[in-house]
């Protein structure tokens, strides 16, 4: 929501209650000696950085700077309406979705449009249906006119209707949703619709809304609610309850967006944020955005005066993850928790833990593929707040552990419940100096599908990559790569092409000119091993490489090809 602090005042919560909630959020949830179990042999989804996003995360003028955003590998940002008039926390209107979309595209992020932020006040001040539908028309027209923008993920029709919808003036919300839905669809039948964007998971409200939407043909493509508690322990139950609600209503599974998460006392605490991310990943949400509580231009407190805060490094560790997310099992929904990944091409395990104090243990199983001993590094990042820069994480120690029966137990002592901790586990023989292989399923995927195959590198690939000549539905994959030096690299592409004839896609990087990649036919769909190669001239550091069947400024590819990975040498 635009200003949760104003929300609290509007709903009449006493300041003392807010203070008590904030105090409770920083207290350790459990006594010492909790254990988090990580099973490297139990992947459950490709790394897509689902919780790396922010409400009003970007503003005009490319703030925060791209150099700070690339390492985070943002999944999504939810931005205000084209022509925004919303004034969050008394700040001037900013963050127009269509104006910041080009920066989001540069750093691999999709953009969702929050339509009611065309109103200046929060809670929104209803005028009339003619006024609202005119505003809806203007926003959709503005989006359709911006043909160079192809990373719009959806229209969010309203925000927190459970308390911001003016029933007395506008009528029943469900009927109003249907009226707005149809108005958008009359102009734009392609772009997904997001809702109902409740302020919290309210099972009764959702049941009524979804039943009405099902019966009237106005179901959202992406179902959305907020998780704004100071503690994330309810998330697992909320997601499970929603999936059961879908089944009970006979509704096909929708993507889930939690486009505001973490309360005022939690959002700047790396330890608590780690627990939020862990539960959002395990829950299977498609995207999740850090809540907006304070200033524009900081990516919700990750940056201060152009420098990282302590919480930034937690999200940097998250952004560094590749391969598959692997199972993490905490002792309970409260207390010690974390998330982990395994990059099978580099044989690196990353584990991030937090939300507990004292001496605790991370037990890592499924490590047989890394040899009889492993190098383990531990680093930490503090809860510095949103105004204190932290130049880098703190290196705690660097040790060698013997692997017995495929596992190790790593004590993490002296933990602060508000800080976060990062374990990097790799073979003692070392790993490549830089990441050379980038899996397609880990990339930013637009209007194509992540699929699985036993013959694919790391088990996943991207298929159903299509071209319609329309930037709202064209398919492409953006790889964010990081190379150590400026030079010409050989780029090898793993692919499959079951058409029986040569297929083509476009390739462009860093906003440069397009060229064409040809994919000779292979043994069939989802059967990998074939490669083609080209060269790319990259600067040192981060670049974005796009492989597209259709994209702005590219006339379109031919035939069909599935993407397994790219590799830079």
Protein backbone atom coordinates (compact mmCIF):
# COMPACT_ATOMS: atom_id res chain seq x y z
CA UNK A 1 0.00 0.00 0.00
CA UNK A 2 1.11 3.53 -0.58
CA UNK A 3 1.57 4.47 3.06
CA UNK A 4 1.12 1.89 5.75
CA UNK A 5 1.88 4.45 8.42
CA UNK A 6 -1.13 6.43 7.23
CA UNK A 7 -3.08 3.19 7.09
CA UNK A 8 -2.40 2.53 10.75
CA UNK A 9 -3.68 5.97 11.66
CA UNK A 10 -6.70 5.56 9.41
CA UNK A 11 -7.66 2.28 11.04
CA UNK A 12 -7.27 3.72 14.51
CA UNK A 13 -4.42 1.59 15.84
CA UNK A 14 -2.79 3.23 18.82
CA UNK A 15 0.86 4.25 18.62
CA UNK A 16 1.58 2.16 21.66
CA UNK A 17 0.32 -0.93 19.86
CA UNK A 18 2.62 -0.19 16.92
CA UNK A 19 5.58 0.20 19.26
CA UNK A 20 4.74 -3.07 20.99
CA UNK A 21 4.55 -4.88 17.66
CA UNK A 22 7.92 -3.48 16.62
CA UNK A 23 9.50 -4.51 19.92
CA UNK A 24 8.08 -8.01 19.59
CA UNK A 25 9.52 -8.34 16.11
CA UNK A 26 13.12 -7.98 17.25
CA UNK A 27 12.92 -10.55 20.05
CA UNK A 28 14.36 -14.03 19.39
CA UNK A 29 11.54 -16.44 18.68
CA UNK A 30 13.17 -19.52 20.22
CA UNK A 31 15.80 -20.47 22.73
CA UNK A 32 19.31 -21.40 21.59
CA UNK A 33 20.18 -24.64 19.83
CA UNK A 34 17.72 -24.70 16.96
CA UNK A 35 18.64 -26.67 13.84
CA UNK A 36 17.84 -25.92 10.20
CA UNK A 37 18.11 -28.97 7.94
CA UNK A 38 19.14 -28.38 4.30
CA UNK A 39 18.76 -31.23 1.81
CA UNK A 40 20.87 -30.49 -1.27
CA UNK A 41 19.48 -33.63 -2.92
CA UNK A 42 15.90 -32.31 -2.73
CA UNK A 43 15.46 -29.53 -5.32
CA UNK A 44 11.92 -28.14 -5.42
CA UNK A 45 12.00 -25.31 -7.98
CA UNK A 46 14.45 -23.46 -10.21
CA UNK A 47 16.07 -20.38 -8.74
CA UNK A 48 13.94 -17.45 -9.94
CA UNK A 49 14.44 -15.06 -6.99
CA UNK A 50 10.68 -14.87 -6.43
CA UNK A 51 10.96 -12.59 -3.36
CA UNK A 52 13.44 -10.16 -4.94
CA UNK A 53 11.16 -7.26 -5.72
CA UNK A 54 9.70 -4.11 -4.29
CA UNK A 55 6.57 -2.00 -4.18
CA UNK A 56 7.53 1.37 -5.68
CA UNK A 57 11.04 -0.04 -5.87
CA UNK A 58 12.20 2.23 -8.70
CA UNK A 59 11.70 5.89 -9.58
CA UNK A 60 12.50 8.04 -12.58
CA UNK A 61 16.15 8.90 -13.20
CA UNK A 62 17.29 5.28 -12.82
CA UNK A 63 17.26 5.24 -9.05
CA UNK A 64 18.65 3.21 -7.43
CA UNK A 65 21.55 2.88 -9.85
CA UNK A 66 21.67 -0.14 -12.13
CA UNK A 67 25.05 -1.13 -10.68
CA UNK A 68 23.32 -1.80 -7.35
CA UNK A 69 20.34 -3.56 -8.94
CA UNK A 70 22.05 -6.06 -11.25
CA UNK A 71 23.40 -8.24 -8.39
CA UNK A 72 19.92 -8.54 -6.85
CA UNK A 73 18.34 -10.09 -9.97
CA UNK A 74 14.98 -8.48 -9.27
CA UNK A 75 11.97 -10.61 -10.14
CA UNK A 76 9.27 -7.90 -10.12
CA UNK A 77 8.46 -4.34 -9.10
CA UNK A 78 4.94 -3.06 -8.54
CA UNK A 79 4.76 0.56 -9.66
CA UNK A 80 2.08 3.27 -9.63
CA UNK A 81 -0.25 4.00 -12.50
CA UNK A 82 0.80 5.82 -15.67
CA UNK A 83 0.15 9.47 -14.87
CA UNK A 84 0.55 8.70 -11.16
CA UNK A 85 -0.84 11.20 -8.67
CA UNK A 86 -0.37 9.15 -5.49
CA UNK A 87 1.63 10.95 -2.78
CA UNK A 88 2.96 8.23 -0.45
CA UNK A 89 4.18 9.46 2.92
CA UNK A 90 3.73 13.04 1.72
CA UNK A 91 6.21 12.66 -1.13
CA UNK A 92 5.52 14.02 -4.62
CA UNK A 93 4.11 11.55 -7.16
CA UNK A 94 6.82 9.40 -8.72
CA UNK A 95 7.58 5.95 -10.06
CA UNK A 96 5.22 5.97 -13.07
CA UNK A 97 5.18 2.34 -14.22
CA UNK A 98 5.74 3.11 -17.89
CA UNK A 99 8.55 5.58 -17.18
CA UNK A 100 10.54 3.19 -14.98
CA UNK A 101 9.86 0.10 -17.12
CA UNK A 102 12.97 0.65 -19.29
CA UNK A 103 15.22 0.59 -16.23
CA UNK A 104 13.43 -2.47 -14.87
CA UNK A 105 13.97 -4.17 -18.23
CA UNK A 106 17.70 -3.39 -18.09
CA UNK A 107 18.03 -5.22 -14.78
CA UNK A 108 15.75 -8.14 -15.67
CA UNK A 109 12.62 -7.16 -13.73
CA UNK A 110 8.96 -7.33 -14.70
CA UNK A 111 6.62 -4.45 -13.84
CA UNK A 112 3.08 -4.59 -12.46
CA UNK A 113 0.86 -1.50 -12.77
CA UNK A 114 -1.11 -0.47 -9.66
CA UNK A 115 -4.05 1.29 -11.30
CA UNK A 116 -5.74 3.06 -8.34
CA UNK A 117 -2.56 5.05 -7.66
CA UNK A 118 -3.92 7.48 -10.22
CA UNK A 119 -5.67 8.95 -7.15
CA UNK A 120 -3.61 11.34 -4.98
CA UNK A 121 -5.04 10.26 -1.62
CA UNK A 122 -4.69 7.11 0.42
CA UNK A 123 -7.10 5.64 1.31
CA UNK A 124 -8.27 6.33 -2.23
CA UNK A 125 -10.98 8.99 -2.49
CA UNK A 126 -13.70 7.76 -4.84
CA UNK A 127 -15.22 10.34 -7.24
CA UNK A 128 -17.61 8.54 -9.58
CA UNK A 129 -17.79 5.61 -11.95
CA UNK A 130 -17.40 7.89 -14.96
CA UNK A 131 -14.26 9.33 -13.36
CA UNK A 132 -12.79 5.91 -12.50
CA UNK A 133 -13.49 4.28 -15.85
CA UNK A 134 -12.05 7.32 -17.61
CA UNK A 135 -8.88 6.87 -15.56
CA UNK A 136 -8.81 3.15 -16.43
CA UNK A 137 -9.16 3.93 -20.13
CA UNK A 138 -6.35 6.49 -19.98
CA UNK A 139 -3.98 4.06 -18.27
CA UNK A 140 -4.62 1.20 -20.68
CA UNK A 141 -4.34 3.54 -23.66
CA UNK A 142 -1.01 4.82 -22.34
CA UNK A 143 0.27 1.27 -21.95
CA UNK A 144 -0.87 0.26 -25.45
CA UNK A 145 0.80 3.33 -26.95
CA UNK A 146 4.17 2.43 -25.40
CA UNK A 147 5.01 -0.30 -27.90
CA UNK A 148 8.67 -0.41 -26.89
CA UNK A 149 7.74 -1.60 -23.37
CA UNK A 150 7.46 -5.38 -23.19
CA UNK A 151 8.03 -6.19 -19.50
CA UNK A 152 4.61 -5.25 -18.10
CA UNK A 153 3.44 -8.24 -16.09
CA UNK A 154 -0.09 -7.16 -15.33
CA UNK A 155 -2.66 -4.59 -14.27
CA UNK A 156 -3.46 -4.53 -10.54
CA UNK A 157 -7.06 -3.30 -10.65
CA UNK A 158 -7.34 -2.14 -7.03
CA UNK A 159 -5.32 -2.17 -3.82
CA UNK A 160 -6.58 -3.48 -0.46
CA UNK A 161 -10.29 -3.32 -1.29
CA UNK A 162 -11.07 -4.93 2.06
CA UNK A 163 -10.77 -1.44 3.56
CA UNK A 164 -10.07 1.09 0.77
CA UNK A 165 -13.10 0.40 -1.45
CA UNK A 166 -15.92 2.93 -0.87
CA UNK A 167 -18.94 0.64 -0.91
CA UNK A 168 -21.34 3.44 -0.06
CA UNK A 169 -20.29 5.48 -3.09
CA UNK A 170 -19.13 2.82 -5.57
CA UNK A 171 -21.30 -0.17 -4.68
CA UNK A 172 -20.26 -3.76 -4.03
CA UNK A 173 -16.58 -4.44 -4.70
CA UNK A 174 -17.15 -7.73 -6.51
CA UNK A 175 -19.47 -6.02 -9.00
CA UNK A 176 -17.01 -3.13 -9.27
CA UNK A 177 -14.18 -5.58 -9.94
CA UNK A 178 -16.19 -7.17 -12.75
CA UNK A 179 -17.01 -3.79 -14.28
CA UNK A 180 -13.35 -2.68 -14.17
CA UNK A 181 -12.10 -6.07 -15.40
CA UNK A 182 -14.34 -5.91 -18.46
CA UNK A 183 -13.35 -2.34 -19.19
CA UNK A 184 -9.65 -3.31 -19.22
CA UNK A 185 -10.28 -6.45 -21.25
CA UNK A 186 -12.26 -4.51 -23.88
CA UNK A 187 -9.10 -2.56 -24.66
CA UNK A 188 -6.39 -5.06 -23.76
CA UNK A 189 -7.35 -8.75 -23.93
CA UNK A 190 -3.72 -9.85 -23.55
CA UNK A 191 -2.04 -8.40 -20.44
CA UNK A 192 -2.70 -10.38 -17.23
CA UNK A 193 -4.96 -8.96 -14.52
CA UNK A 194 -3.92 -9.04 -10.85
CA UNK A 195 -6.18 -9.06 -7.78
CA UNK A 196 -7.91 -8.71 -5.44
CA UNK A 197 -4.78 -7.51 -3.54
CA UNK A 198 -6.17 -7.87 -0.04
CA UNK A 199 -4.38 -6.23 2.89
CA UNK A 200 -4.02 -9.68 4.49
CA UNK A 201 -5.01 -13.27 3.74
CA UNK A 202 -8.74 -13.27 4.45
CA UNK A 203 -10.18 -16.68 3.57
CA UNK A 204 -13.84 -15.62 3.77
CA UNK A 205 -13.33 -12.53 1.63
CA UNK A 206 -11.35 -14.51 -0.95
CA UNK A 207 -13.97 -17.25 -1.13
CA UNK A 208 -16.71 -14.72 -1.83
CA UNK A 209 -14.59 -12.85 -4.36
CA UNK A 210 -13.37 -15.94 -6.25
CA UNK A 211 -16.82 -17.50 -6.34
CA UNK A 212 -18.26 -14.32 -7.86
CA UNK A 213 -15.34 -13.97 -10.27
CA UNK A 214 -15.64 -17.61 -11.36
CA UNK A 215 -19.37 -17.37 -11.92
CA UNK A 216 -19.06 -14.11 -13.88
CA UNK A 217 -16.02 -14.93 -16.01
CA UNK A 218 -13.74 -12.33 -14.38
CA UNK A 219 -11.14 -14.42 -12.54
CA UNK A 220 -7.78 -12.69 -12.09
CA UNK A 221 -4.85 -14.25 -13.90
CA UNK A 222 -2.66 -13.61 -10.85
CA UNK A 223 -4.13 -13.81 -7.35
CA UNK A 224 -2.68 -11.31 -4.91
CA UNK A 225 -2.71 -10.51 -1.21
CA UNK A 226 -0.30 -8.92 1.29
CA UNK A 227 1.75 -10.40 4.14
CA UNK A 228 2.50 -7.35 6.27
CA UNK A 229 2.94 -8.94 9.69
CA UNK A 230 6.12 -8.36 11.67
CA UNK A 231 6.64 -12.13 11.72
CA UNK A 232 6.28 -14.35 8.63
CA UNK A 233 5.00 -17.46 10.41
CA UNK A 234 1.53 -17.30 8.80
CA UNK A 235 2.75 -17.45 5.18
CA UNK A 236 2.95 -21.22 4.79
CA UNK A 237 -0.57 -21.71 6.10
CA UNK A 238 -1.95 -18.88 4.00
CA UNK A 239 -0.54 -20.23 0.74
CA UNK A 240 -1.71 -23.77 1.54
CA UNK A 241 -5.17 -22.48 2.44
CA UNK A 242 -5.41 -20.57 -0.83
CA UNK A 243 -4.46 -23.63 -2.89
CA UNK A 244 -7.13 -25.65 -1.09
CA UNK A 245 -9.65 -22.86 -1.73
CA UNK A 246 -8.85 -22.99 -5.45
CA UNK A 247 -9.40 -26.75 -5.50
CA UNK A 248 -12.66 -26.51 -3.59
CA UNK A 249 -14.01 -23.94 -6.07
CA UNK A 250 -12.84 -25.83 -9.15
CA UNK A 251 -10.54 -22.99 -10.20
CA UNK A 252 -7.39 -23.83 -12.12
CA UNK A 253 -4.17 -22.88 -10.26
CA UNK A 254 -3.34 -19.20 -10.51
CA UNK A 255 0.03 -17.57 -10.08
CA UNK A 256 0.34 -16.02 -6.61
CA UNK A 257 1.76 -12.54 -6.06
CA UNK A 258 2.44 -11.22 -2.57
CA UNK A 259 3.21 -7.72 -3.73
CA UNK A 260 3.73 -6.31 -0.24
CA UNK A 261 5.56 -8.28 2.45
CA UNK A 262 7.22 -7.49 5.81
CA UNK A 263 5.98 -5.02 8.41
CA UNK A 264 7.63 -1.78 9.48
CA UNK A 265 9.81 -3.42 12.12
CA UNK A 266 10.71 -6.39 9.92
CA UNK A 267 11.52 -4.96 6.51
CA UNK A 268 14.96 -3.64 7.52
CA UNK A 269 16.00 -6.70 9.55
CA UNK A 270 18.00 -9.20 7.47
CA UNK A 271 17.24 -12.03 9.90
CA UNK A 272 13.49 -11.60 9.62
CA UNK A 273 13.68 -10.98 5.87
CA UNK A 274 15.50 -14.30 5.50
CA UNK A 275 12.57 -16.04 7.16
CA UNK A 276 10.08 -14.24 4.89
CA UNK A 277 12.03 -15.28 1.79
CA UNK A 278 12.30 -18.89 2.99
CA UNK A 279 8.55 -19.20 3.49
CA UNK A 280 7.67 -17.44 0.24
CA UNK A 281 10.01 -19.76 -1.69
CA UNK A 282 8.71 -22.92 -0.03
CA UNK A 283 5.13 -21.75 -0.49
CA UNK A 284 5.58 -21.61 -4.26
CA UNK A 285 4.54 -18.00 -4.86
CA UNK A 286 5.38 -16.57 -8.26
CA UNK A 287 6.53 -13.14 -7.08
CA UNK A 288 6.79 -11.13 -3.87
CA UNK A 289 7.69 -7.47 -3.29
CA UNK A 290 9.14 -5.82 -0.22
CA UNK A 291 6.63 -3.37 1.27
CA UNK A 292 7.01 0.38 0.78
CA UNK A 293 7.11 2.17 4.11
CA UNK A 294 9.42 5.13 3.74
CA UNK A 295 11.38 6.88 0.95
CA UNK A 296 11.39 6.55 -2.81
CA UNK A 297 14.59 5.65 -4.60
CA UNK A 298 15.94 3.23 -2.00
CA UNK A 299 14.46 -0.06 -3.22
CA UNK A 300 12.52 -0.24 0.04
CA UNK A 301 15.48 0.44 2.30
CA UNK A 302 18.15 -1.62 0.54
CA UNK A 303 20.05 1.50 -0.53
CA UNK A 304 20.86 4.74 1.31
CA UNK A 305 22.49 7.68 -0.46
CA UNK A 306 23.55 5.36 -3.27
CA UNK A 307 25.19 2.81 -0.97
CA UNK A 308 24.07 -0.61 0.33
CA UNK A 309 22.47 -1.06 3.74
CA UNK A 310 22.90 -4.21 5.81
CA UNK A 311 19.75 -5.75 4.36
CA UNK A 312 21.06 -5.20 0.82
CA UNK A 313 23.66 -7.93 1.33
CA UNK A 314 21.01 -10.47 2.25
CA UNK A 315 19.36 -9.83 -1.13
CA UNK A 316 22.75 -9.87 -2.85
CA UNK A 317 23.32 -13.38 -1.45
CA UNK A 318 19.87 -14.29 -2.76
CA UNK A 319 20.72 -12.80 -6.16
CA UNK A 320 23.92 -14.85 -6.33
CA UNK A 321 21.94 -18.09 -6.13
CA UNK A 322 21.68 -20.21 -9.26
CA UNK A 323 20.55 -23.72 -10.13
CA UNK A 324 17.72 -25.01 -7.95
CA UNK A 325 16.23 -24.01 -4.64
CA UNK A 326 16.62 -26.97 -2.31
CA UNK A 327 14.60 -28.10 0.69
CA UNK A 328 15.11 -26.38 4.02
CA UNK A 329 13.30 -27.68 7.10
CA UNK A 330 13.11 -25.48 10.20
CA UNK A 331 12.13 -26.71 13.64
CA UNK A 332 8.87 -24.73 13.34
CA UNK A 333 7.24 -21.82 11.58
CA UNK A 334 8.73 -19.36 14.09
CA UNK A 335 12.41 -18.93 14.92
CA UNK A 336 15.43 -20.11 12.94
CA UNK A 337 14.74 -20.41 9.23
CA UNK A 338 16.49 -20.00 5.93
CA UNK A 339 16.63 -20.76 2.23
CA UNK A 340 19.22 -22.56 0.12
CA UNK A 341 20.24 -23.36 -3.45
CA UNK A 342 22.49 -25.78 -5.26
CA UNK A 343 24.23 -24.85 -8.50
CA UNK A 344 25.10 -28.24 -9.97
CA UNK A 345 27.29 -26.81 -12.75
CA UNK A 346 29.62 -25.07 -10.29
CA UNK A 347 28.92 -27.44 -7.36
CA UNK A 348 28.18 -24.58 -4.98
CA UNK A 349 25.66 -24.69 -2.15
CA UNK A 350 24.41 -21.35 -0.79
CA UNK A 351 22.52 -21.25 2.50
CA UNK A 352 21.08 -18.08 4.10
CA UNK A 353 19.77 -18.28 7.68
CA UNK A 354 18.46 -15.92 10.33
CA UNK A 355 15.60 -14.97 12.68
CA UNK A 356 17.25 -16.56 15.72
CA UNK A 357 19.81 -15.67 18.36
CA UNK A 358 22.53 -17.59 20.18
CA UNK A 359 24.16 -20.85 19.10
CA UNK A 360 22.37 -22.79 16.35
CA UNK A 361 23.15 -25.44 13.75
CA UNK A 362 22.77 -25.81 10.01
CA UNK A 363 22.75 -29.50 9.06
CA UNK A 364 23.41 -29.98 5.35
CA UNK A 365 22.60 -33.34 3.77
CA UNK A 366 22.82 -34.65 0.20
CA UNK A 367 26.43 -33.54 -0.26
CA UNK A 368 27.89 -36.76 -1.70
CA UNK A 369 28.46 -35.14 -5.08
CA UNK A 370 30.88 -32.61 -3.59
CA UNK A 371 33.48 -35.14 -2.44
CA UNK A 372 34.75 -36.30 0.94
CA UNK A 373 35.53 -32.83 2.22
CA UNK A 374 34.18 -29.35 1.55
CA UNK A 375 35.22 -25.77 2.12
CA UNK A 376 32.67 -23.81 4.13
CA UNK A 377 32.69 -20.01 4.47
CA UNK A 378 30.46 -18.06 6.85
CA UNK A 379 29.66 -14.36 6.59
CA UNK A 380 27.08 -12.12 8.24
CA UNK A 381 25.24 -8.86 7.66
CA UNK A 382 23.70 -6.69 10.39
CA UNK A 383 20.39 -4.92 10.79
CA UNK A 384 21.85 -1.49 10.06
CA UNK A 385 18.54 0.23 9.45
CA UNK A 386 17.64 2.08 6.30
CA UNK A 387 19.94 5.09 6.81
CA UNK A 388 23.25 3.37 7.65
CA UNK A 389 25.44 2.07 4.84
CA UNK A 390 27.27 -1.25 5.16
CA UNK A 391 30.21 -1.53 2.75
CA UNK A 392 30.33 -5.33 2.71
CA UNK A 393 29.29 -8.38 4.71
CA UNK A 394 31.50 -9.44 7.61
CA UNK A 395 33.64 -12.54 6.99
CA UNK A 396 33.26 -14.73 10.09
CA UNK A 397 35.35 -17.81 9.28
CA UNK A 398 36.60 -20.14 6.50
CA UNK A 399 36.89 -23.86 7.37
CA UNK A 400 37.17 -27.34 5.90
CA UNK A 401 34.62 -29.99 6.90
CA UNK A 402 34.76 -33.75 6.37
CA UNK A 403 31.64 -35.06 4.63
CA UNK A 404 30.31 -38.16 6.39
CA UNK A 405 27.37 -40.08 4.97
CA UNK A 406 26.80 -37.18 2.60
CA UNK A 407 26.32 -34.54 5.29
CA UNK A 408 27.92 -31.98 7.55
CA UNK A 409 26.70 -30.11 10.63
CA UNK A 410 27.81 -26.50 10.85
CA UNK A 411 27.49 -24.61 14.15
CA UNK A 412 26.62 -20.93 13.79
CA UNK A 413 27.33 -19.33 17.14
CA UNK A 414 26.75 -15.86 18.49
CA UNK A 415 23.80 -15.24 16.20
CA UNK A 416 21.78 -12.04 16.45
CA UNK A 417 18.11 -12.59 15.60
CA UNK A 418 18.06 -9.40 13.51
CA UNK A 419 21.16 -10.27 11.45
CA UNK A 420 21.46 -12.77 8.61
CA UNK A 421 24.16 -15.37 7.94
CA UNK A 422 25.44 -16.86 4.70
CA UNK A 423 27.13 -20.24 4.27
CA UNK A 424 28.94 -21.01 1.01
CA UNK A 425 29.79 -24.69 0.60
CA UNK A 426 32.01 -25.90 -2.25
CA UNK A 427 34.49 -28.69 -3.05
CA UNK A 428 37.91 -28.25 -1.47
CA UNK A 429 39.42 -28.40 -4.96
CA UNK A 430 37.76 -25.06 -5.79
CA UNK A 431 35.25 -23.87 -8.35
CA UNK A 432 35.57 -21.82 -11.57
CA UNK A 433 36.66 -18.26 -10.91
CA UNK A 434 33.42 -16.93 -12.37
CA UNK A 435 30.05 -18.34 -13.34
CA UNK A 436 30.29 -19.49 -16.96
CA UNK A 437 27.03 -21.40 -17.44
CA UNK A 438 23.67 -19.67 -16.99
CA UNK A 439 20.59 -21.87 -16.95
CA UNK A 440 17.64 -20.62 -18.99
CA UNK A 441 15.20 -21.52 -16.21
CA UNK A 442 17.11 -19.19 -13.84
CA UNK A 443 16.88 -16.26 -16.27
CA UNK A 444 14.15 -13.62 -16.63
CA UNK A 445 11.51 -15.42 -18.71
CA UNK A 446 8.80 -13.47 -20.50
CA UNK A 447 5.72 -15.24 -21.85
CA UNK A 448 7.42 -18.60 -22.18
CA UNK A 449 7.43 -21.57 -19.79
CA UNK A 450 9.95 -23.17 -17.47
CA UNK A 451 9.87 -26.93 -18.02
CA UNK A 452 11.85 -29.95 -16.87
CA UNK A 453 13.77 -32.70 -18.64
CA UNK A 454 16.22 -35.35 -17.50
CA UNK A 455 18.52 -34.50 -20.41
CA UNK A 456 18.59 -30.75 -19.69
CA UNK A 457 21.49 -29.14 -17.89
CA UNK A 458 20.47 -28.92 -14.23
CA UNK A 459 17.15 -30.58 -15.14
CA UNK A 460 15.33 -27.49 -16.44
CA UNK A 461 14.82 -25.49 -19.63
CA UNK A 462 12.58 -22.85 -21.19
CA UNK A 463 10.13 -23.77 -23.96
CA UNK A 464 7.02 -22.52 -25.73
CA UNK A 465 8.92 -19.43 -26.85
CA UNK A 466 6.68 -17.72 -29.38
CA UNK A 467 6.29 -14.58 -31.46
CA UNK A 468 3.09 -12.67 -32.12
CA UNK A 469 4.44 -9.32 -33.28
CA UNK A 470 2.88 -7.77 -30.15
CA UNK A 471 5.15 -6.63 -27.27
CA UNK A 472 2.49 -7.74 -24.79
CA UNK A 473 2.80 -11.39 -25.83
CA UNK A 474 6.17 -11.84 -27.55
CA UNK A 475 8.50 -14.34 -25.88
CA UNK A 476 12.10 -13.80 -24.86
CA UNK A 477 14.63 -14.78 -22.21
CA UNK A 478 17.00 -12.29 -20.57
CA UNK A 479 20.23 -13.67 -19.08
CA UNK A 480 21.97 -11.39 -16.56
CA UNK A 481 25.64 -12.34 -16.77
CA UNK A 482 28.68 -11.15 -14.84
CA UNK A 483 32.12 -11.50 -16.44
CA UNK A 484 35.55 -10.61 -15.01
CA UNK A 485 37.03 -8.68 -17.92
CA UNK A 486 36.07 -6.78 -21.06
CA UNK A 487 36.70 -8.96 -24.10
CA UNK A 488 35.07 -11.09 -26.78
CA UNK A 489 33.49 -14.24 -25.32
CA UNK A 490 32.40 -17.40 -27.10
CA UNK A 491 28.78 -17.96 -26.15
CA UNK A 492 27.53 -21.55 -26.45
CA UNK A 493 23.77 -22.15 -26.39
CA UNK A 494 22.29 -25.48 -25.38
CA UNK A 495 18.99 -26.01 -27.19
CA UNK A 496 16.45 -28.40 -28.70
CA UNK A 497 14.51 -28.01 -31.95
CA UNK A 498 11.95 -30.66 -32.80
CA UNK A 499 10.48 -28.98 -35.87
CA UNK A 500 12.60 -30.89 -38.38
CA UNK A 501 13.84 -27.63 -39.90
CA UNK A 502 16.21 -24.86 -38.88
CA UNK A 503 14.71 -22.33 -36.44
CA UNK A 504 15.93 -18.82 -35.65
CA UNK A 505 15.89 -16.41 -32.73
CA UNK A 506 17.23 -12.91 -32.26
CA UNK A 507 20.15 -12.09 -29.99
CA UNK A 508 20.97 -8.67 -28.56
CA UNK A 509 22.82 -7.51 -25.48
CA UNK A 510 23.07 -4.31 -23.47
CA UNK A 511 20.61 -2.55 -25.77
CA UNK A 512 22.76 -3.14 -28.85
CA UNK A 513 21.90 -4.24 -32.36
CA UNK A 514 20.08 -7.46 -33.13
CA UNK A 515 21.59 -10.41 -34.93
CA UNK A 516 20.19 -13.87 -35.64
CA UNK A 517 20.99 -17.27 -34.14
CA UNK A 518 20.15 -20.38 -36.18
CA UNK A 519 19.21 -23.68 -34.51
CA UNK A 520 19.48 -26.78 -36.74
CA UNK A 521 16.91 -29.51 -36.02
CA UNK A 522 17.61 -31.98 -33.18
CA UNK A 523 16.23 -35.33 -32.05
CA UNK A 524 13.04 -33.84 -30.62
CA UNK A 525 11.47 -31.55 -28.04
CA UNK A 526 12.86 -31.66 -24.52
CA UNK A 527 15.84 -33.75 -25.64
CA UNK A 528 19.04 -31.83 -25.09
CA UNK A 529 22.71 -32.11 -25.96
CA UNK A 530 22.91 -30.04 -29.14
CA UNK A 531 24.67 -26.67 -29.08
CA UNK A 532 25.35 -23.68 -31.32
CA UNK A 533 27.91 -20.95 -30.71
CA UNK A 534 28.39 -17.27 -31.43
CA UNK A 535 30.57 -14.48 -30.06
CA UNK A 536 29.59 -11.57 -27.81
CA UNK A 537 31.73 -8.54 -26.96
CA UNK A 538 31.01 -7.81 -23.29
CA UNK A 539 32.27 -5.18 -20.83
CA UNK A 540 33.61 -6.22 -17.44
CA UNK A 541 30.83 -6.73 -14.93
CA UNK A 542 27.14 -7.15 -15.62
CA UNK A 543 25.43 -7.45 -19.00
CA UNK A 544 21.98 -8.54 -20.13
CA UNK A 545 21.84 -10.95 -23.08
CA UNK A 546 18.45 -11.45 -24.72
CA UNK A 547 17.42 -14.43 -26.84
CA UNK A 548 14.05 -13.70 -28.41
CA UNK A 549 11.47 -15.17 -30.72
CA UNK A 550 9.82 -11.76 -30.62
CA UNK A 551 10.86 -8.48 -28.99
CA UNK A 552 10.66 -4.73 -29.57
CA UNK A 553 12.88 -3.68 -32.50
CA UNK A 554 13.31 -7.32 -33.63
CA UNK A 555 11.21 -8.47 -36.60
CA UNK A 556 10.80 -11.97 -35.20
CA UNK A 557 12.33 -15.42 -35.35
CA UNK A 558 11.22 -18.45 -37.33
CA UNK A 559 10.27 -21.95 -36.27
CA UNK A 560 10.70 -22.98 -32.65
CA UNK A 561 13.62 -23.70 -30.34
CA UNK A 562 13.82 -24.53 -26.63
CA UNK A 563 16.62 -23.04 -24.52
CA UNK A 564 18.65 -25.05 -22.02
CA UNK A 565 21.52 -22.71 -21.09
CA UNK A 566 24.13 -20.29 -22.31
CA UNK A 567 27.83 -20.64 -21.48
CA UNK A 568 30.51 -17.95 -21.77
CA UNK A 569 34.18 -18.81 -22.33
